[in-house]
């Protein structure tokens, strides 16, 4: 793996931690932080040295194998087990290795002159306590260094090589590190010559089942020296490549990438779903009441001005629906806070409908995500509900409403008064004709047209014209009022949408964005 690729994958790991904050489990976060810290610490220290650890169960002969590789009794061996209680490092090039060994926590250091392989001068070979030791501290040391060394050698013996615990608890968890792992069947001298190949095949099948590929499997005997040169050559190849540290970090990233569960692909918000949310919230917040009041106010004022004058005054006795809401004509945006207090409260039912609308929209938008990420989106939605009511109410109160009168209102008003005047003239004419004989005025004549008395025609025509104009005025006012009601509703929904977009959609989309960033980072992490 090239250094830029490793940089990109480590940056992706950082992005995963940031995006997954509060979503990942504490255990997953601790694991990610451990890999990040380990990678950073290892890269700060010697890139020249390659650290190879010998891991094995009690009695596998790790220390004896180390002595055989080194060609000297540097590690204590004894029939009493375990003999390795603290890690021991053997190195041949001490310059620059101190900081690395300090980080590894290895105090026992042995410097040798003749490397185990001509290519392995920069090698650091580490003998570790048994990973199945009854001493908890021994197991902890082995487990810690299994996560720190550059390459691992699993030392098995003919008696325990198939132990399920050895494979399930120690080898399989490091299956992603096959590129920097060797498996050694030690103490092969205890097997009959014709058994060695069969056991090696079985070991290979077991480690393959553990997922440990492409680890090499070798047979050795620290007692007879068989297979030790081949093992030294394999270790020398790892040291000579000087890529084990990078490969180890890459393998750690592979393991993390395989273990992480992507967030998923959410449905998200669409323009239609955002509008539907705004409509539902607006309806729950009394937008319909305001829109109906605009239409009713228009019809009331049109009927009062253009209705039949004999009865239209009744409309003036009823309170204007808009003024009852504190939204009458002539009030500007500066009065929004005052007018807001006059709006009818949505009540518990309205607040519940608002909450249901928000939760439904959030659930629909987060569909497709895994449950932890849906919970994050729901949390953002719940946080929005608390402050939504005040903002929506203020937006409704601040909306400019179509409260101006109709340009055509003077026409029916004038016609109505002309019709009323005509009817009054007819009435006066008849009265003068009937009772004017005693008055000092000329005799009043009553002409007729086609047999119809002109005063009667004036009365009937005035009344009929007033009724027809009132009906026409009412029909036009109803149509225009309905149009203004629809226009008001659209304006209120638009105003509420500006609030829901900011208060609900934005934080939920931020949560969905974190999920998308999380998945994008996983893709980058998994890309080799």
Protein backbone atom coordinates (compact mmCIF):
# COMPACT_ATOMS: atom_id res chain seq x y z
CA UNK A 1 0.00 0.00 0.00
CA UNK A 2 1.34 3.41 -0.96
CA UNK A 3 1.69 6.10 1.66
CA UNK A 4 -0.92 8.39 0.03
CA UNK A 5 -3.43 5.52 0.10
CA UNK A 6 -2.72 4.96 3.78
CA UNK A 7 -3.11 8.69 4.47
CA UNK A 8 -6.48 8.66 2.72
CA UNK A 9 -7.71 5.64 4.66
CA UNK A 10 -6.57 7.08 7.98
CA UNK A 11 -8.33 10.33 7.12
CA UNK A 12 -11.43 8.25 6.36
CA UNK A 13 -11.12 6.65 9.79
CA UNK A 14 -11.04 10.12 11.37
CA UNK A 15 -14.15 11.05 9.37
CA UNK A 16 -15.92 7.90 10.58
CA UNK A 17 -15.22 8.80 14.20
CA UNK A 18 -16.52 12.35 13.70
CA UNK A 19 -19.64 11.29 11.78
CA UNK A 20 -20.38 8.41 14.14
CA UNK A 21 -20.14 10.41 17.36
CA UNK A 22 -23.09 9.54 19.55
CA UNK A 23 -24.19 6.78 17.18
CA UNK A 24 -21.40 4.23 17.46
CA UNK A 25 -21.36 2.11 20.59
CA UNK A 26 -18.73 2.95 23.23
CA UNK A 27 -16.96 -0.31 22.42
CA UNK A 28 -16.82 0.50 18.70
CA UNK A 29 -15.63 4.04 19.42
CA UNK A 30 -12.91 2.72 21.74
CA UNK A 31 -11.75 0.31 19.05
CA UNK A 32 -11.62 3.04 16.42
CA UNK A 33 -9.76 5.36 18.77
CA UNK A 34 -7.33 2.56 19.57
CA UNK A 35 -6.53 1.95 15.91
CA UNK A 36 -6.18 5.69 15.25
CA UNK A 37 -3.88 6.19 18.22
CA UNK A 38 -1.86 3.06 17.42
CA UNK A 39 -1.38 4.08 13.80
CA UNK A 40 -0.33 7.59 14.76
CA UNK A 41 2.11 6.37 17.41
CA UNK A 42 3.65 3.71 15.18
CA UNK A 43 4.18 6.14 12.32
CA UNK A 44 5.90 8.61 14.63
CA UNK A 45 8.53 6.03 15.46
CA UNK A 46 11.23 4.23 13.53
CA UNK A 47 10.18 3.28 10.02
CA UNK A 48 13.47 1.40 9.60
CA UNK A 49 12.67 -1.30 12.14
CA UNK A 50 10.22 -4.15 11.77
CA UNK A 51 8.78 -5.63 14.97
CA UNK A 52 7.88 -9.33 14.77
CA UNK A 53 6.17 -10.94 17.77
CA UNK A 54 6.15 -14.61 18.73
CA UNK A 55 2.71 -15.56 20.10
CA UNK A 56 1.67 -18.91 21.42
CA UNK A 57 -0.05 -20.96 24.08
CA UNK A 58 1.62 -22.44 27.11
CA UNK A 59 4.06 -25.18 26.11
CA UNK A 60 4.27 -24.21 22.44
CA UNK A 61 8.02 -23.55 22.77
CA UNK A 62 8.13 -19.88 21.77
CA UNK A 63 11.21 -19.10 23.86
CA UNK A 64 13.05 -22.18 22.63
CA UNK A 65 12.22 -21.24 19.05
CA UNK A 66 13.47 -17.69 19.65
CA UNK A 67 16.76 -19.06 20.98
CA UNK A 68 17.05 -21.34 17.96
CA UNK A 69 16.48 -18.43 15.59
CA UNK A 70 18.95 -16.15 17.38
CA UNK A 71 21.47 -18.91 17.91
CA UNK A 72 21.92 -18.12 21.62
CA UNK A 73 19.97 -18.70 24.85
CA UNK A 74 18.66 -15.16 25.12
CA UNK A 75 15.23 -16.26 26.36
CA UNK A 76 14.80 -18.31 29.53
CA UNK A 77 13.40 -21.80 29.02
CA UNK A 78 12.42 -24.31 31.64
CA UNK A 79 10.20 -27.30 32.06
CA UNK A 80 8.18 -25.27 34.54
CA UNK A 81 5.64 -23.15 32.69
CA UNK A 82 5.18 -20.38 31.94
CA UNK A 83 8.74 -19.04 31.84
CA UNK A 84 8.09 -15.85 29.84
CA UNK A 85 6.46 -13.37 32.20
CA UNK A 86 7.45 -10.15 30.43
CA UNK A 87 8.14 -9.41 26.77
CA UNK A 88 11.72 -9.75 25.59
CA UNK A 89 13.07 -7.94 22.52
CA UNK A 90 16.08 -9.08 20.52
CA UNK A 91 17.45 -6.54 18.08
CA UNK A 92 20.54 -6.07 15.94
CA UNK A 93 20.34 -2.38 15.08
CA UNK A 94 19.60 -0.45 18.28
CA UNK A 95 19.97 3.02 16.76
CA UNK A 96 16.54 4.63 16.59
CA UNK A 97 14.78 1.66 18.21
CA UNK A 98 14.49 3.00 21.78
CA UNK A 99 11.41 5.15 21.18
CA UNK A 100 9.67 2.29 19.40
CA UNK A 101 10.41 -0.16 22.22
CA UNK A 102 9.32 2.39 24.81
CA UNK A 103 5.96 2.68 23.05
CA UNK A 104 5.70 -1.10 22.96
CA UNK A 105 6.43 -1.20 26.68
CA UNK A 106 9.33 -3.62 26.33
CA UNK A 107 12.06 -3.03 28.88
CA UNK A 108 14.03 -6.27 28.44
CA UNK A 109 16.16 -5.66 25.34
CA UNK A 110 18.98 -7.83 24.01
CA UNK A 111 21.27 -6.55 21.29
CA UNK A 112 22.93 -9.14 19.04
CA UNK A 113 25.50 -8.81 16.30
CA UNK A 114 24.71 -11.56 13.81
CA UNK A 115 21.15 -11.20 12.35
CA UNK A 116 19.05 -14.29 11.77
CA UNK A 117 19.00 -13.43 8.08
CA UNK A 118 21.28 -11.20 6.04
CA UNK A 119 18.31 -9.00 5.19
CA UNK A 120 17.06 -8.70 8.78
CA UNK A 121 19.48 -6.25 10.40
CA UNK A 122 16.56 -3.90 11.22
CA UNK A 123 14.51 -6.70 12.77
CA UNK A 124 13.17 -6.58 16.34
CA UNK A 125 12.13 -10.08 17.42
CA UNK A 126 9.87 -10.18 20.48
CA UNK A 127 9.17 -13.15 22.76
CA UNK A 128 5.81 -12.71 24.50
CA UNK A 129 4.06 -14.26 27.50
CA UNK A 130 1.65 -17.10 26.75
CA UNK A 131 -1.68 -15.74 25.57
CA UNK A 132 -3.54 -18.51 27.44
CA UNK A 133 -1.67 -17.95 30.70
CA UNK A 134 -3.63 -18.22 33.92
CA UNK A 135 -1.94 -14.97 34.90
CA UNK A 136 -4.25 -12.19 33.74
CA UNK A 137 -1.32 -9.78 33.36
CA UNK A 138 0.42 -12.16 30.95
CA UNK A 139 -2.67 -12.44 28.78
CA UNK A 140 -3.11 -8.64 28.83
CA UNK A 141 0.49 -8.09 27.68
CA UNK A 142 0.10 -10.56 24.82
CA UNK A 143 -3.25 -9.07 23.78
CA UNK A 144 -1.87 -5.51 23.86
CA UNK A 145 1.22 -6.32 21.81
CA UNK A 146 -0.86 -8.33 19.32
CA UNK A 147 -2.38 -4.97 18.46
CA UNK A 148 0.97 -3.17 18.24
CA UNK A 149 3.64 -5.34 16.60
CA UNK A 150 4.17 -5.08 12.86
CA UNK A 151 4.03 -8.81 12.14
CA UNK A 152 2.90 -11.88 14.10
CA UNK A 153 4.14 -15.44 14.30
CA UNK A 154 1.61 -17.84 15.78
CA UNK A 155 3.53 -20.70 17.35
CA UNK A 156 1.48 -23.89 17.66
CA UNK A 157 2.45 -27.29 18.99
CA UNK A 158 1.28 -30.78 17.97
CA UNK A 159 -0.88 -31.13 21.08
CA UNK A 160 -2.80 -27.79 21.02
CA UNK A 161 -2.70 -26.75 17.38
CA UNK A 162 -6.40 -27.65 16.91
CA UNK A 163 -7.60 -26.23 20.23
CA UNK A 164 -10.84 -24.34 19.48
CA UNK A 165 -10.05 -21.71 22.10
CA UNK A 166 -6.67 -20.97 20.49
CA UNK A 167 -8.31 -20.39 17.12
CA UNK A 168 -11.55 -18.65 18.12
CA UNK A 169 -10.14 -16.34 20.80
CA UNK A 170 -6.65 -15.57 19.51
CA UNK A 171 -6.03 -16.37 15.84
CA UNK A 172 -9.43 -15.65 14.25
CA UNK A 173 -9.72 -12.09 15.73
CA UNK A 174 -6.54 -11.24 13.80
CA UNK A 175 -7.65 -12.88 10.55
CA UNK A 176 -7.34 -9.60 8.63
CA UNK A 177 -3.58 -9.58 9.30
CA UNK A 178 -2.72 -12.57 7.10
CA UNK A 179 -0.31 -10.51 5.01
CA UNK A 180 1.91 -9.92 8.06
CA UNK A 181 1.41 -13.29 9.76
CA UNK A 182 3.32 -16.58 9.82
CA UNK A 183 1.99 -19.79 11.40
CA UNK A 184 4.54 -22.20 12.80
CA UNK A 185 3.94 -25.78 13.86
CA UNK A 186 6.75 -26.06 16.42
CA UNK A 187 8.01 -29.23 18.09
CA UNK A 188 7.49 -31.12 14.85
CA UNK A 189 10.11 -33.59 16.09
CA UNK A 190 7.40 -35.03 18.34
CA UNK A 191 5.55 -36.24 15.26
CA UNK A 192 6.44 -39.24 13.15
CA UNK A 193 7.97 -38.14 9.81
CA UNK A 194 4.98 -39.38 7.87
CA UNK A 195 2.61 -37.41 10.14
CA UNK A 196 4.15 -33.97 9.65
CA UNK A 197 2.64 -33.28 6.22
CA UNK A 198 -0.81 -34.44 7.33
CA UNK A 199 -0.71 -32.21 10.39
CA UNK A 200 0.52 -29.25 8.33
CA UNK A 201 -2.40 -29.72 5.92
CA UNK A 202 -4.77 -29.79 8.87
CA UNK A 203 -3.21 -26.63 10.32
CA UNK A 204 -3.57 -24.89 6.96
CA UNK A 205 -7.25 -25.84 6.79
CA UNK A 206 -7.81 -24.57 10.33
CA UNK A 207 -6.16 -21.20 9.81
CA UNK A 208 -7.97 -20.86 6.48
CA UNK A 209 -11.22 -21.47 8.36
CA UNK A 210 -10.12 -18.75 10.77
CA UNK A 211 -9.96 -16.43 7.77
CA UNK A 212 -6.18 -16.08 8.03
CA UNK A 213 -5.08 -15.77 4.42
CA UNK A 214 -2.50 -15.76 2.89
CA UNK A 215 -0.47 -16.72 5.96
CA UNK A 216 2.42 -19.13 5.37
CA UNK A 217 2.44 -22.30 7.52
CA UNK A 218 5.83 -23.81 8.41
CA UNK A 219 7.00 -26.74 10.52
CA UNK A 220 9.94 -26.28 12.90
CA UNK A 221 11.72 -27.97 15.75
CA UNK A 222 13.68 -25.85 18.17
CA UNK A 223 15.25 -29.05 19.49
CA UNK A 224 16.59 -30.43 16.19
CA UNK A 225 16.75 -27.15 14.27
CA UNK A 226 14.54 -28.52 11.50
CA UNK A 227 12.68 -25.76 9.66
CA UNK A 228 14.37 -23.00 11.66
CA UNK A 229 16.44 -21.70 8.67
CA UNK A 230 13.28 -21.57 6.54
CA UNK A 231 11.52 -19.61 9.27
CA UNK A 232 14.49 -17.25 9.55
CA UNK A 233 14.37 -16.69 5.80
CA UNK A 234 10.62 -15.94 5.92
CA UNK A 235 11.15 -13.46 8.76
CA UNK A 236 14.05 -11.91 6.88
CA UNK A 237 11.79 -11.39 3.88
CA UNK A 238 9.29 -9.54 6.05
CA UNK A 239 12.03 -7.34 7.52
CA UNK A 240 13.66 -6.67 4.14
CA UNK A 241 10.41 -5.45 2.60
CA UNK A 242 10.06 -2.79 5.33
CA UNK A 243 6.35 -2.63 4.62
CA UNK A 244 5.13 -4.68 7.56
CA UNK A 245 4.32 -1.61 9.67
CA UNK A 246 2.26 -0.10 6.86
CA UNK A 247 0.65 -3.45 6.06
CA UNK A 248 -0.18 -3.92 9.72
CA UNK A 249 -1.93 -0.56 9.88
CA UNK A 250 -3.69 -1.36 6.61
CA UNK A 251 -4.80 -4.70 8.04
CA UNK A 252 -6.14 -2.96 11.14
CA UNK A 253 -8.09 -0.65 8.84
CA UNK A 254 -9.36 -3.64 6.87
CA UNK A 255 -10.63 -5.24 10.08
CA UNK A 256 -12.33 -2.01 11.14
CA UNK A 257 -13.88 -1.57 7.70
CA UNK A 258 -15.24 -5.11 7.69
CA UNK A 259 -16.71 -4.75 11.18
CA UNK A 260 -18.46 -1.42 10.62
CA UNK A 261 -22.10 -1.48 9.59
CA UNK A 262 -22.94 1.20 6.99
CA UNK A 263 -25.63 3.67 7.95
CA UNK A 264 -27.71 2.97 4.84
CA UNK A 265 -29.26 5.17 2.19
CA UNK A 266 -32.10 7.37 3.48
CA UNK A 267 -35.08 8.46 1.40
CA UNK A 268 -34.39 12.07 2.39
CA UNK A 269 -36.65 15.08 1.96
CA UNK A 270 -38.12 15.92 -1.44
CA UNK A 271 -39.77 19.20 -2.45
CA UNK A 272 -43.13 17.43 -2.24
CA UNK A 273 -42.48 16.02 1.24
CA UNK A 274 -41.25 19.40 2.50
CA UNK A 275 -44.41 21.06 1.18
CA UNK A 276 -46.57 18.31 2.70
CA UNK A 277 -44.90 18.87 6.06
CA UNK A 278 -45.47 22.63 5.84
CA UNK A 279 -49.13 22.10 4.90
CA UNK A 280 -49.72 19.74 7.80
CA UNK A 281 -48.01 22.06 10.30
CA UNK A 282 -49.82 25.09 8.89
CA UNK A 283 -53.18 23.35 9.18
CA UNK A 284 -52.41 22.32 12.77
CA UNK A 285 -51.38 25.89 13.58
CA UNK A 286 -54.61 27.57 12.49
CA UNK A 287 -53.68 28.60 8.95
CA UNK A 288 -57.08 27.38 7.77
CA UNK A 289 -58.81 29.63 10.31
CA UNK A 290 -56.86 32.65 9.04
CA UNK A 291 -57.51 31.79 5.39
CA UNK A 292 -61.25 31.36 6.08
CA UNK A 293 -61.26 34.70 7.92
CA UNK A 294 -59.72 36.45 4.91
CA UNK A 295 -62.40 35.06 2.62
CA UNK A 296 -65.21 35.80 5.08
CA UNK A 297 -63.95 39.35 5.70
CA UNK A 298 -63.91 40.07 1.99
CA UNK A 299 -67.46 38.78 1.54
CA UNK A 300 -68.68 40.74 4.56
CA UNK A 301 -67.24 44.05 3.39
CA UNK A 302 -68.43 43.51 -0.19
CA UNK A 303 -71.96 42.72 1.05
CA UNK A 304 -71.98 45.78 3.31
CA UNK A 305 -70.96 48.11 0.48
CA UNK A 306 -72.63 46.52 -2.54
CA UNK A 307 -75.59 44.74 -0.97
CA UNK A 308 -79.18 45.92 -0.97
CA UNK A 309 -79.05 49.06 1.17
CA UNK A 310 -82.22 48.19 3.06
CA UNK A 311 -80.55 45.13 4.62
CA UNK A 312 -76.83 45.53 3.95
CA UNK A 313 -76.37 47.57 7.14
CA UNK A 314 -76.92 44.35 9.07
CA UNK A 315 -73.48 43.15 7.88
CA UNK A 316 -71.90 46.12 9.64
CA UNK A 317 -73.23 44.90 12.95
CA UNK A 318 -71.17 41.69 12.77
CA UNK A 319 -67.52 41.88 13.77
CA UNK A 320 -64.98 41.52 10.97
CA UNK A 321 -63.48 37.98 11.14
CA UNK A 322 -59.97 39.35 10.53
CA UNK A 323 -60.25 41.95 13.25
CA UNK A 324 -61.39 39.28 15.68
CA UNK A 325 -58.03 37.59 14.99
CA UNK A 326 -56.10 40.85 15.27
CA UNK A 327 -55.27 40.65 11.56
CA UNK A 328 -57.33 43.47 10.17
CA UNK A 329 -56.34 45.62 7.23
CA UNK A 330 -53.81 48.33 7.83
CA UNK A 331 -51.57 46.34 10.16
CA UNK A 332 -48.02 45.71 9.05
CA UNK A 333 -45.24 43.30 9.89
CA UNK A 334 -44.21 45.50 12.81
CA UNK A 335 -47.35 44.38 14.61
CA UNK A 336 -46.58 40.70 14.08
CA UNK A 337 -45.70 39.96 17.69
CA UNK A 338 -48.81 41.73 18.93
CA UNK A 339 -51.05 40.09 16.32
CA UNK A 340 -49.55 36.70 17.16
CA UNK A 341 -51.10 36.90 20.61
CA UNK A 342 -54.54 37.39 19.04
CA UNK A 343 -54.40 34.23 16.95
CA UNK A 344 -56.41 31.29 18.26
CA UNK A 345 -54.25 28.82 20.15
CA UNK A 346 -53.91 25.48 18.37
CA UNK A 347 -54.47 23.83 21.72
CA UNK A 348 -53.29 20.40 22.75
CA UNK A 349 -54.87 18.82 19.68
CA UNK A 350 -53.11 21.22 17.32
CA UNK A 351 -49.78 20.73 19.04
CA UNK A 352 -50.25 16.98 18.83
CA UNK A 353 -51.00 17.24 15.11
CA UNK A 354 -47.87 19.33 14.62
CA UNK A 355 -45.79 16.74 16.46
CA UNK A 356 -47.30 13.88 14.49
CA UNK A 357 -46.61 15.70 11.22
CA UNK A 358 -42.96 16.28 12.14
CA UNK A 359 -42.41 12.73 13.35
CA UNK A 360 -44.04 11.29 10.25
CA UNK A 361 -41.91 13.44 7.96
CA UNK A 362 -38.72 12.52 9.83
CA UNK A 363 -39.53 8.81 9.74
CA UNK A 364 -40.23 9.00 6.01
CA UNK A 365 -37.02 10.93 5.34
CA UNK A 366 -34.88 8.55 7.41
CA UNK A 367 -36.36 5.38 5.88
CA UNK A 368 -33.52 3.19 4.64
CA UNK A 369 -31.15 4.00 7.49
CA UNK A 370 -30.09 1.59 10.20
CA UNK A 371 -31.83 2.03 13.53
CA UNK A 372 -29.02 3.96 15.30
CA UNK A 373 -29.02 6.51 12.50
CA UNK A 374 -32.82 6.72 12.39
CA UNK A 375 -32.68 7.40 16.11
CA UNK A 376 -30.27 10.27 15.41
CA UNK A 377 -32.69 11.72 12.85
CA UNK A 378 -35.60 11.31 15.26
CA UNK A 379 -33.61 13.05 17.96
CA UNK A 380 -33.08 16.01 15.63
CA UNK A 381 -36.81 16.02 14.84
CA UNK A 382 -37.79 15.88 18.50
CA UNK A 383 -35.47 18.79 19.23
CA UNK A 384 -37.23 20.80 16.53
CA UNK A 385 -40.74 20.16 17.85
CA UNK A 386 -40.19 22.05 21.10
CA UNK A 387 -39.50 25.42 19.45
CA UNK A 388 -41.59 24.95 16.35
CA UNK A 389 -44.88 26.34 17.67
CA UNK A 390 -43.71 29.86 18.48
CA UNK A 391 -41.84 30.23 15.19
CA UNK A 392 -44.80 28.99 13.16
CA UNK A 393 -47.27 31.22 15.00
CA UNK A 394 -45.05 34.24 14.41
CA UNK A 395 -44.65 33.34 10.72
CA UNK A 396 -48.43 33.07 10.33
CA UNK A 397 -48.95 36.41 12.09
CA UNK A 398 -46.24 38.05 9.99
CA UNK A 399 -47.63 36.94 6.64
CA UNK A 400 -48.94 39.73 4.44
CA UNK A 401 -52.62 39.04 3.86
CA UNK A 402 -54.79 40.16 0.90
CA UNK A 403 -57.08 42.46 2.88
CA UNK A 404 -57.50 45.32 0.41
CA UNK A 405 -60.98 45.98 -0.95
CA UNK A 406 -62.02 45.11 -4.48
CA UNK A 407 -61.54 47.71 -7.20
CA UNK A 408 -65.08 47.02 -8.41
CA UNK A 409 -66.81 47.69 -5.10
CA UNK A 410 -67.80 51.33 -5.98
CA UNK A 411 -69.77 50.13 -9.03
CA UNK A 412 -72.47 48.11 -7.20
CA UNK A 413 -72.45 50.69 -4.41
CA UNK A 414 -73.31 53.50 -6.84
CA UNK A 415 -75.87 51.36 -8.68
CA UNK A 416 -77.50 50.39 -5.37
CA UNK A 417 -77.88 54.01 -4.28
CA UNK A 418 -79.21 55.00 -7.71
CA UNK A 419 -81.71 52.12 -7.52
CA UNK A 420 -82.70 53.12 -4.00
CA UNK A 421 -83.09 56.73 -5.08
CA UNK A 422 -85.32 55.66 -7.96
CA UNK A 423 -87.51 53.61 -5.63
CA UNK A 424 -87.75 56.53 -3.14
CA UNK A 425 -88.69 58.90 -5.97
CA UNK A 426 -91.50 56.55 -6.95
CA UNK A 427 -92.72 56.31 -3.39
CA UNK A 428 -92.61 60.09 -2.96
CA UNK A 429 -94.41 60.60 -6.25
CA UNK A 430 -97.27 58.35 -5.19
CA UNK A 431 -97.49 60.03 -1.78
CA UNK A 432 -97.68 63.46 -3.31
CA UNK A 433 -100.33 62.28 -5.73
CA UNK A 434 -102.39 60.80 -2.93
CA UNK A 435 -102.03 63.46 -0.27
CA UNK A 436 -100.93 66.53 -2.12
CA UNK A 437 -104.43 67.94 -2.68
CA UNK A 438 -104.30 69.86 0.55
CA UNK A 439 -100.88 71.21 -0.12
CA UNK A 440 -100.10 74.48 -1.84
CA UNK A 441 -98.57 72.73 -4.83
CA UNK A 442 -99.83 72.07 -8.35
CA UNK A 443 -101.80 68.92 -8.88
CA UNK A 444 -99.48 65.97 -9.24
CA UNK A 445 -100.15 63.86 -12.30
CA UNK A 446 -99.22 60.19 -12.48
CA UNK A 447 -98.22 59.27 -16.01
CA UNK A 448 -98.16 55.73 -17.25
CA UNK A 449 -96.23 53.72 -19.79
CA UNK A 450 -98.03 50.89 -21.56
CA UNK A 451 -100.55 51.02 -18.76
CA UNK A 452 -97.94 50.89 -16.01
CA UNK A 453 -97.72 53.74 -13.54
CA UNK A 454 -94.34 55.45 -13.77
CA UNK A 455 -93.96 55.79 -9.95
CA UNK A 456 -94.76 52.11 -9.57
CA UNK A 457 -92.24 51.30 -12.27
CA UNK A 458 -89.63 53.37 -10.44
CA UNK A 459 -90.38 51.59 -7.15
CA UNK A 460 -90.41 48.10 -8.65
CA UNK A 461 -87.44 48.76 -10.88
CA UNK A 462 -85.38 50.22 -8.01
CA UNK A 463 -86.16 47.33 -5.70
CA UNK A 464 -85.59 44.70 -8.40
CA UNK A 465 -82.35 46.30 -9.54
CA UNK A 466 -81.12 46.48 -5.94
CA UNK A 467 -81.87 42.80 -5.39
CA UNK A 468 -80.23 41.73 -8.67
CA UNK A 469 -77.14 43.84 -7.99
CA UNK A 470 -76.98 42.47 -4.42
CA UNK A 471 -77.14 38.91 -5.72
CA UNK A 472 -74.53 39.60 -8.38
CA UNK A 473 -72.37 41.40 -5.84
CA UNK A 474 -72.66 38.44 -3.47
CA UNK A 475 -71.75 35.93 -6.18
CA UNK A 476 -68.70 37.91 -7.27
CA UNK A 477 -67.66 38.48 -3.66
CA UNK A 478 -67.97 34.76 -2.93
CA UNK A 479 -65.79 33.86 -5.92
CA UNK A 480 -63.17 36.49 -5.13
CA UNK A 481 -63.30 35.62 -1.42
CA UNK A 482 -62.70 31.95 -2.21
CA UNK A 483 -59.76 32.91 -4.42
CA UNK A 484 -58.34 35.09 -1.64
CA UNK A 485 -58.80 32.25 0.84
CA UNK A 486 -56.78 29.94 -1.42
CA UNK A 487 -54.17 32.63 -1.98
CA UNK A 488 -53.92 33.23 1.75
CA UNK A 489 -53.53 29.53 2.43
CA UNK A 490 -50.70 29.30 -0.12
CA UNK A 491 -48.99 32.32 1.43
CA UNK A 492 -49.33 30.89 4.92
CA UNK A 493 -48.02 27.49 3.82
CA UNK A 494 -45.06 29.21 2.18
CA UNK A 495 -44.38 31.16 5.38
CA UNK A 496 -44.67 28.00 7.48
CA UNK A 497 -42.42 26.11 5.05
CA UNK A 498 -39.68 28.66 5.60
CA UNK A 499 -39.94 27.79 9.30
CA UNK A 500 -40.17 24.01 8.91
CA UNK A 501 -37.27 24.04 6.45
CA UNK A 502 -35.11 25.88 8.96
CA UNK A 503 -36.33 24.34 12.21
CA UNK A 504 -37.11 20.75 11.15
CA UNK A 505 -35.67 19.91 7.75
CA UNK A 506 -32.25 21.50 8.23
CA UNK A 507 -31.27 19.68 11.46
CA UNK A 508 -32.72 16.39 10.23
CA UNK A 509 -30.86 16.75 6.93
CA UNK A 510 -27.72 17.44 8.94
CA UNK A 511 -28.25 14.09 10.69
CA UNK A 512 -28.86 12.41 7.33
CA UNK A 513 -25.73 14.14 6.04
CA UNK A 514 -23.75 12.62 8.89
CA UNK A 515 -25.02 9.20 7.84
CA UNK A 516 -23.98 9.87 4.23
CA UNK A 517 -20.57 11.10 5.38
CA UNK A 518 -20.22 7.98 7.54
CA UNK A 519 -20.92 5.67 4.60
CA UNK A 520 -18.67 7.65 2.27
CA UNK A 521 -15.87 7.39 4.82
CA UNK A 522 -16.43 3.63 5.13
CA UNK A 523 -16.14 3.34 1.34
CA UNK A 524 -12.84 5.24 1.42
CA UNK A 525 -11.62 3.15 4.35
CA UNK A 526 -12.37 -0.11 2.53
CA UNK A 527 -10.69 1.05 -0.68
CA UNK A 528 -7.22 -0.39 -1.07
